[in-house]
Protein backbone atom coordinates (compact mmCIF):
# COMPACT_ATOMS: atom_id res chain seq x y z
CA MET A 1 -43.34 -2.40 65.33
CA THR A 2 -46.36 -0.16 65.27
CA ASP A 3 -49.36 -0.65 67.54
CA LYS A 4 -51.80 -2.68 65.44
CA SER A 5 -54.52 -2.46 68.09
CA LYS A 6 -55.29 1.10 66.98
CA ASP A 7 -56.82 0.11 63.64
CA ASN A 8 -56.79 -3.72 63.72
CA SER A 9 -55.28 -3.72 60.23
CA PRO A 10 -52.94 -6.58 59.37
CA TYR A 11 -51.10 -4.32 56.93
CA CYS A 12 -47.86 -2.52 57.64
CA SER A 13 -48.41 1.15 58.39
CA ILE A 14 -45.30 2.04 56.34
CA CYS A 15 -45.44 -0.06 53.16
CA ASP A 16 -48.98 -1.57 53.26
CA SER A 17 -47.69 -5.14 52.98
CA CYS A 18 -49.47 -7.95 54.81
CA GLY A 19 -46.44 -9.82 56.13
CA VAL A 20 -47.73 -13.20 54.95
CA GLU A 21 -44.90 -15.25 53.48
CA GLY A 22 -45.33 -15.64 49.74
CA CYS A 23 -48.07 -13.00 49.45
CA CYS A 24 -46.46 -9.57 49.39
CA SER A 25 -43.01 -9.22 47.87
CA PRO A 26 -40.24 -8.45 50.37
CA MET A 27 -39.05 -5.88 47.85
CA VAL A 28 -41.90 -3.53 48.84
CA CYS A 29 -40.44 -3.23 52.33
CA TYR A 30 -38.72 0.04 53.23
CA GLN A 31 -36.81 -1.49 56.15
CA HIS A 32 -38.18 1.40 58.20
CA PRO A 33 -37.65 1.38 61.99
CA ASP A 34 -41.42 1.55 62.50
CA GLY A 35 -42.27 -1.12 59.92
CA ASP A 36 -44.27 -4.12 61.03
CA TYR A 37 -42.70 -6.95 59.03
CA CYS A 38 -39.23 -5.64 58.16
CA LYS A 39 -37.37 -8.36 60.02
CA SER A 40 -39.14 -11.19 58.19
CA TYR A 41 -38.85 -9.43 54.82
CA LEU A 42 -35.13 -8.88 55.35
CA ARG A 43 -34.81 -12.60 56.15
CA ASP A 44 -36.63 -13.41 52.87
CA LEU A 45 -34.30 -11.14 50.89
CA LYS A 46 -31.22 -12.69 52.50
CA PHE A 47 -32.53 -16.17 51.70
CA ALA A 48 -33.11 -15.22 48.06
CA TYR A 49 -29.57 -13.83 47.84
CA VAL A 50 -28.04 -16.97 49.35
CA MET A 51 -30.02 -19.24 47.01
CA ASN A 52 -29.08 -17.18 43.98
CA ARG A 53 -25.39 -17.43 44.92
CA TRP A 54 -25.79 -21.19 45.40
CA PHE A 55 -27.43 -21.50 41.97
CA GLU A 56 -24.65 -19.51 40.32
CA ASN A 57 -21.91 -21.49 42.07
CA ASN A 58 -23.45 -24.95 41.63
CA LEU A 59 -25.84 -25.08 38.69
CA LEU A 60 -25.24 -22.23 36.27
CA ASP A 61 -22.37 -23.96 34.49
CA GLN A 62 -24.53 -27.04 33.94
CA LEU A 63 -27.14 -25.17 31.89
CA THR A 64 -27.27 -25.35 28.12
CA GLU A 65 -26.20 -22.24 26.23
CA GLU A 66 -29.85 -21.54 25.45
CA GLN A 67 -30.74 -21.74 29.16
CA LYS A 68 -27.79 -19.51 30.08
CA ASP A 69 -28.91 -16.96 27.49
CA ALA A 70 -32.46 -17.00 28.92
CA TYR A 71 -31.09 -16.63 32.47
CA ASN A 72 -28.81 -13.75 31.47
CA LYS A 73 -31.64 -12.00 29.62
CA GLU A 74 -33.90 -12.28 32.66
CA TRP A 75 -31.04 -11.15 34.92
CA ASP A 76 -30.53 -8.01 32.81
CA THR A 77 -34.27 -7.26 32.75
CA ALA A 78 -34.63 -7.67 36.51
CA TYR A 79 -31.48 -5.64 37.18
CA ASP A 80 -32.77 -2.79 35.03
CA LYS A 81 -36.12 -2.80 36.87
CA VAL A 82 -34.45 -2.64 40.29
CA TYR A 83 -32.19 0.24 39.29
CA GLU A 84 -34.72 2.37 37.37
């Protein structure tokens, strides 16, 4: 963690995120050794992964075909954005 007393800024010196849960996306985090909020953002990303797996294993098959199509469309769009 960097020394925040130098500039009194609440923002990460690496990615400029604020570290407040629900404010800045954990996807902006570089997981840099000198980052200020990397540990909490990694925890958020792990949680999202676990919940997505739970959804797929427990609820996905219960959706209507229309809902599945909407989910798959959104999945493809999000996947393309992440791997641009």
